[in-house]
PDB file of N, CA and C in Angstrom:
ATOM      1  N   MET A   1     -47.898 -74.296   2.075  1.00  0.00           N
ATOM      2  CA  MET A   1     -48.650 -74.012   3.280  1.00  0.00           C
ATOM      3  C   MET A   1     -47.764 -73.335   4.330  1.00  0.00           C
ATOM      4  N   ASN A   2     -46.515 -73.722   4.409  1.00  0.00           N
ATOM      5  CA  ASN A   2     -45.603 -73.130   5.377  1.00  0.00           C
ATOM      6  C   ASN A   2     -45.370 -71.646   5.094  1.00  0.00           C
ATOM      7  N   THR A   3     -45.320 -71.260   3.827  1.00  0.00           N
ATOM      8  CA  THR A   3     -45.129 -69.855   3.459  1.00  0.00           C
ATOM      9  C   THR A   3     -46.284 -69.006   3.970  1.00  0.00           C
ATOM     10  N   ILE A   4     -47.481 -69.515   3.879  1.00  0.00           N
ATOM     11  CA  ILE A   4     -48.649 -68.776   4.369  1.00  0.00           C
ATOM     12  C   ILE A   4     -48.569 -68.608   5.883  1.00  0.00           C
ATOM     13  N   LYS A   5     -48.145 -69.645   6.575  1.00  0.00           N
ATOM     14  CA  LYS A   5     -48.016 -69.543   8.034  1.00  0.00           C
ATOM     15  C   LYS A   5     -46.970 -68.503   8.421  1.00  0.00           C
ATOM     16  N   ILE A   6     -45.867 -68.477   7.699  1.00  0.00           N
ATOM     17  CA  ILE A   6     -44.796 -67.528   8.009  1.00  0.00           C
ATOM     18  C   ILE A   6     -45.244 -66.097   7.754  1.00  0.00           C
ATOM     19  N   ASN A   7     -45.968 -65.858   6.669  1.00  0.00           N
ATOM     20  CA  ASN A   7     -46.361 -64.502   6.267  1.00  0.00           C
ATOM     21  C   ASN A   7     -47.799 -64.161   6.628  1.00  0.00           C
ATOM     22  N   TYR A   8     -48.408 -64.909   7.525  1.00  0.00           N
ATOM     23  CA  TYR A   8     -49.820 -64.742   7.848  1.00  0.00           C
ATOM     24  C   TYR A   8     -50.144 -63.325   8.314  1.00  0.00           C
ATOM     25  N   ASP A   9     -49.335 -62.770   9.206  1.00  0.00           N
ATOM     26  CA  ASP A   9     -49.615 -61.424   9.736  1.00  0.00           C
ATOM     27  C   ASP A   9     -49.595 -60.370   8.634  1.00  0.00           C
ATOM     28  N   GLY A  10     -48.640 -60.457   7.741  1.00  0.00           N
ATOM     29  CA  GLY A  10     -48.573 -59.501   6.636  1.00  0.00           C
ATOM     30  C   GLY A  10     -49.740 -59.627   5.683  1.00  0.00           C
ATOM     31  N   ILE A  11     -50.159 -60.846   5.438  1.00  0.00           N
ATOM     32  CA  ILE A  11     -51.302 -61.082   4.545  1.00  0.00           C
ATOM     33  C   ILE A  11     -52.571 -60.519   5.159  1.00  0.00           C
ATOM     34  N   VAL A  12     -52.800 -60.804   6.419  1.00  0.00           N
ATOM     35  CA  VAL A  12     -53.992 -60.295   7.106  1.00  0.00           C
ATOM     36  C   VAL A  12     -53.947 -58.776   7.188  1.00  0.00           C
ATOM     37  N   ASN A  13     -52.774 -58.212   7.430  1.00  0.00           N
ATOM     38  CA  ASN A  13     -52.625 -56.761   7.503  1.00  0.00           C
ATOM     39  C   ASN A  13     -53.049 -56.100   6.197  1.00  0.00           C
ATOM     40  N   TYR A  14     -52.731 -56.713   5.079  1.00  0.00           N
ATOM     41  CA  TYR A  14     -53.127 -56.135   3.797  1.00  0.00           C
ATOM     42  C   TYR A  14     -54.644 -56.045   3.696  1.00  0.00           C
ATOM     43  N   PHE A  15     -55.340 -57.085   4.084  1.00  0.00           N
ATOM     44  CA  PHE A  15     -56.793 -57.083   3.949  1.00  0.00           C
ATOM     45  C   PHE A  15     -57.476 -56.193   4.985  1.00  0.00           C
ATOM     46  N   ILE A  16     -56.838 -55.963   6.107  1.00  0.00           N
ATOM     47  CA  ILE A  16     -57.422 -55.076   7.125  1.00  0.00           C
ATOM     48  C   ILE A  16     -57.165 -53.618   6.773  1.00  0.00           C
ATOM     49  N   ASP A  17     -55.911 -53.267   6.503  1.00  0.00           N
ATOM     50  CA  ASP A  17     -55.524 -51.870   6.293  1.00  0.00           C
ATOM     51  C   ASP A  17     -55.320 -51.484   4.837  1.00  0.00           C
ATOM     52  N   ARG A  18     -55.296 -52.471   3.951  1.00  0.00           N
ATOM     53  CA  ARG A  18     -54.993 -52.244   2.526  1.00  0.00           C
ATOM     54  C   ARG A  18     -53.639 -51.568   2.362  1.00  0.00           C
ATOM     55  N   SER A  19     -52.689 -51.984   3.192  1.00  0.00           N
ATOM     56  CA  SER A  19     -51.350 -51.414   3.095  1.00  0.00           C
ATOM     57  C   SER A  19     -50.340 -52.522   2.831  1.00  0.00           C
ATOM     58  N   THR A  20     -49.319 -52.176   2.080  1.00  0.00           N
ATOM     59  CA  THR A  20     -48.241 -53.113   1.786  1.00  0.00           C
ATOM     60  C   THR A  20     -46.920 -52.457   2.162  1.00  0.00           C
ATOM     61  N   ASN A  21     -45.847 -53.177   1.987  1.00  0.00           N
ATOM     62  CA  ASN A  21     -44.531 -52.615   2.258  1.00  0.00           C
ATOM     63  C   ASN A  21     -43.852 -52.185   0.962  1.00  0.00           C
ATOM     64  N   ALA A  22     -44.628 -51.911  -0.065  1.00  0.00           N
ATOM     65  CA  ALA A  22     -44.068 -51.532  -1.367  1.00  0.00           C
ATOM     66  C   ALA A  22     -43.260 -50.239  -1.278  1.00  0.00           C
ATOM     67  N   SER A  23     -43.710 -49.286  -0.494  1.00  0.00           N
ATOM     68  CA  SER A  23     -42.962 -48.027  -0.386  1.00  0.00           C
ATOM     69  C   SER A  23     -41.615 -48.252   0.296  1.00  0.00           C
ATOM     70  N   ALA A  24     -41.580 -49.109   1.287  1.00  0.00           N
ATOM     71  CA  ALA A  24     -40.308 -49.417   1.950  1.00  0.00           C
ATOM     72  C   ALA A  24     -39.373 -50.154   1.005  1.00  0.00           C
ATOM     73  N   GLU A  25     -39.906 -51.074   0.223  1.00  0.00           N
ATOM     74  CA  GLU A  25     -39.082 -51.806  -0.741  1.00  0.00           C
ATOM     75  C   GLU A  25     -38.542 -50.861  -1.813  1.00  0.00           C
ATOM     76  N   SER A  26     -39.360 -49.916  -2.242  1.00  0.00           N
ATOM     77  CA  SER A  26     -38.921 -48.941  -3.236  1.00  0.00           C
ATOM     78  C   SER A  26     -37.806 -48.065  -2.671  1.00  0.00           C
ATOM     79  N   PHE A  27     -37.966 -47.640  -1.433  1.00  0.00           N
ATOM     80  CA  PHE A  27     -36.935 -46.823  -0.788  1.00  0.00           C
ATOM     81  C   PHE A  27     -35.628 -47.599  -0.654  1.00  0.00           C
ATOM     82  N   ASN A  28     -35.719 -48.872  -0.285  1.00  0.00           N
ATOM     83  CA  ASN A  28     -34.517 -49.704  -0.183  1.00  0.00           C
ATOM     84  C   ASN A  28     -33.828 -49.843  -1.533  1.00  0.00           C
ATOM     85  N   ALA A  29     -34.601 -49.971  -2.598  1.00  0.00           N
ATOM     86  CA  ALA A  29     -34.018 -50.075  -3.940  1.00  0.00           C
ATOM     87  C   ALA A  29     -33.304 -48.781  -4.323  1.00  0.00           C
ATOM     88  N   LYS A  30     -33.889 -47.640  -3.952  1.00  0.00           N
ATOM     89  CA  LYS A  30     -33.252 -46.358  -4.246  1.00  0.00           C
ATOM     90  C   LYS A  30     -31.933 -46.219  -3.493  1.00  0.00           C
ATOM     91  N   ILE A  31     -31.912 -46.654  -2.244  1.00  0.00           N
ATOM     92  CA  ILE A  31     -30.678 -46.586  -1.461  1.00  0.00           C
ATOM     93  C   ILE A  31     -29.615 -47.483  -2.071  1.00  0.00           C
ATOM     94  N   LYS A  32     -30.001 -48.680  -2.501  1.00  0.00           N
ATOM     95  CA  LYS A  32     -29.034 -49.587  -3.130  1.00  0.00           C
ATOM     96  C   LYS A  32     -28.463 -48.984  -4.402  1.00  0.00           C
ATOM     97  N   ALA A  33     -29.317 -48.360  -5.211  1.00  0.00           N
ATOM     98  CA  ALA A  33     -28.848 -47.737  -6.450  1.00  0.00           C
ATOM     99  C   ALA A  33     -27.904 -46.581  -6.143  1.00  0.00           C
ATOM    100  N   PHE A  34     -28.258 -45.777  -5.160  1.00  0.00           N
ATOM    101  CA  PHE A  34     -27.409 -44.655  -4.764  1.00  0.00           C
ATOM    102  C   PHE A  34     -26.070 -45.155  -4.239  1.00  0.00           C
ATOM    103  N   ARG A  35     -26.108 -46.200  -3.420  1.00  0.00           N
ATOM    104  CA  ARG A  35     -24.888 -46.750  -2.839  1.00  0.00           C
ATOM    105  C   ARG A  35     -23.976 -47.341  -3.907  1.00  0.00           C
ATOM    106  N   SER A  36     -24.554 -47.925  -4.944  1.00  0.00           N
ATOM    107  CA  SER A  36     -23.728 -48.500  -6.006  1.00  0.00           C
ATOM    108  C   SER A  36     -23.008 -47.415  -6.805  1.00  0.00           C
ATOM    109  N   GLN A  37     -23.575 -46.217  -6.858  1.00  0.00           N
ATOM    110  CA  GLN A  37     -22.933 -45.114  -7.563  1.00  0.00           C
ATOM    111  C   GLN A  37     -21.739 -44.568  -6.783  1.00  0.00           C
ATOM    112  N   PHE A  38     -21.776 -44.695  -5.476  1.00  0.00           N
ATOM    113  CA  PHE A  38     -20.748 -44.098  -4.628  1.00  0.00           C
ATOM    114  C   PHE A  38     -19.915 -45.157  -3.920  1.00  0.00           C
ATOM    115  N   ARG A  39     -19.433 -46.107  -4.681  1.00  0.00           N
ATOM    116  CA  ARG A  39     -18.550 -47.139  -4.109  1.00  0.00           C
ATOM    117  C   ARG A  39     -17.236 -46.498  -3.684  1.00  0.00           C
ATOM    118  N   GLY A  40     -16.720 -46.910  -2.575  1.00  0.00           N
ATOM    119  CA  GLY A  40     -15.439 -46.399  -2.109  1.00  0.00           C
ATOM    120  C   GLY A  40     -15.524 -45.057  -1.417  1.00  0.00           C
ATOM    121  N   VAL A  41     -16.688 -44.701  -0.920  1.00  0.00           N
ATOM    122  CA  VAL A  41     -16.834 -43.433  -0.209  1.00  0.00           C
ATOM    123  C   VAL A  41     -16.029 -43.504   1.085  1.00  0.00           C
ATOM    124  N   ARG A  42     -15.218 -42.509   1.314  1.00  0.00           N
ATOM    125  CA  ARG A  42     -14.377 -42.504   2.511  1.00  0.00           C
ATOM    126  C   ARG A  42     -15.037 -41.773   3.665  1.00  0.00           C
ATOM    127  N   ASN A  43     -15.834 -40.777   3.355  1.00  0.00           N
ATOM    128  CA  ASN A  43     -16.462 -39.973   4.398  1.00  0.00           C
ATOM    129  C   ASN A  43     -17.907 -40.438   4.570  1.00  0.00           C
ATOM    130  N   VAL A  44     -18.156 -41.247   5.573  1.00  0.00           N
ATOM    131  CA  VAL A  44     -19.488 -41.808   5.794  1.00  0.00           C
ATOM    132  C   VAL A  44     -20.489 -40.713   6.140  1.00  0.00           C
ATOM    133  N   ALA A  45     -20.075 -39.720   6.887  1.00  0.00           N
ATOM    134  CA  ALA A  45     -20.986 -38.629   7.255  1.00  0.00           C
ATOM    135  C   ALA A  45     -21.474 -37.894   6.010  1.00  0.00           C
ATOM    136  N   PHE A  46     -20.582 -37.657   5.063  1.00  0.00           N
ATOM    137  CA  PHE A  46     -20.981 -36.992   3.825  1.00  0.00           C
ATOM    138  C   PHE A  46     -21.920 -37.877   3.012  1.00  0.00           C
ATOM    139  N   PHE A  47     -21.650 -39.174   2.988  1.00  0.00           N
ATOM    140  CA  PHE A  47     -22.525 -40.110   2.277  1.00  0.00           C
ATOM    141  C   PHE A  47     -23.939 -40.064   2.848  1.00  0.00           C
ATOM    142  N   LEU A  48     -24.056 -40.103   4.163  1.00  0.00           N
ATOM    143  CA  LEU A  48     -25.374 -40.047   4.790  1.00  0.00           C
ATOM    144  C   LEU A  48     -26.042 -38.697   4.566  1.00  0.00           C
ATOM    145  N   PHE A  49     -25.258 -37.621   4.566  1.00  0.00           N
ATOM    146  CA  PHE A  49     -25.797 -36.297   4.277  1.00  0.00           C
ATOM    147  C   PHE A  49     -26.398 -36.258   2.877  1.00  0.00           C
ATOM    148  N   ARG A  50     -25.653 -36.750   1.892  1.00  0.00           N
ATOM    149  CA  ARG A  50     -26.155 -36.778   0.513  1.00  0.00           C
ATOM    150  C   ARG A  50     -27.397 -37.649   0.392  1.00  0.00           C
ATOM    151  N   LEU A  51     -27.401 -38.760   1.086  1.00  0.00           N
ATOM    152  CA  LEU A  51     -28.535 -39.673   1.055  1.00  0.00           C
ATOM    153  C   LEU A  51     -29.792 -38.996   1.582  1.00  0.00           C
ATOM    154  N   THR A  52     -29.672 -38.256   2.676  1.00  0.00           N
ATOM    155  CA  THR A  52     -30.845 -37.579   3.232  1.00  0.00           C
ATOM    156  C   THR A  52     -31.313 -36.436   2.342  1.00  0.00           C
ATOM    157  N   LYS A  53     -30.402 -35.760   1.663  1.00  0.00           N
ATOM    158  CA  LYS A  53     -30.800 -34.653   0.797  1.00  0.00           C
ATOM    159  C   LYS A  53     -31.485 -35.147  -0.477  1.00  0.00           C
ATOM    160  N   ILE A  54     -31.077 -36.282  -0.975  1.00  0.00           N
ATOM    161  CA  ILE A  54     -31.650 -36.785  -2.224  1.00  0.00           C
ATOM    162  C   ILE A  54     -32.984 -37.478  -1.993  1.00  0.00           C
ATOM    163  N   TYR A  55     -33.088 -38.288  -0.948  1.00  0.00           N
ATOM    164  CA  TYR A  55     -34.277 -39.120  -0.750  1.00  0.00           C
ATOM    165  C   TYR A  55     -35.134 -38.699   0.429  1.00  0.00           C
ATOM    166  N   ALA A  56     -34.953 -37.506   0.941  1.00  0.00           N
ATOM    167  CA  ALA A  56     -35.774 -37.062   2.077  1.00  0.00           C
ATOM    168  C   ALA A  56     -37.091 -36.495   1.617  1.00  0.00           C
TER     169      ALA A  56
END
């Protein structure tokens, strides 16, 4: 019952708008996969540049 109270707004939002956060979760997974490939990157600006070019 506590889980429903905590997530009540998200649950109601799904039934009102028929929208979920699946696209955001998918994007986060892609960023994690990309970040795992580039461990030890020294140039953060270049890392962010590559990230925007691949997933924009």
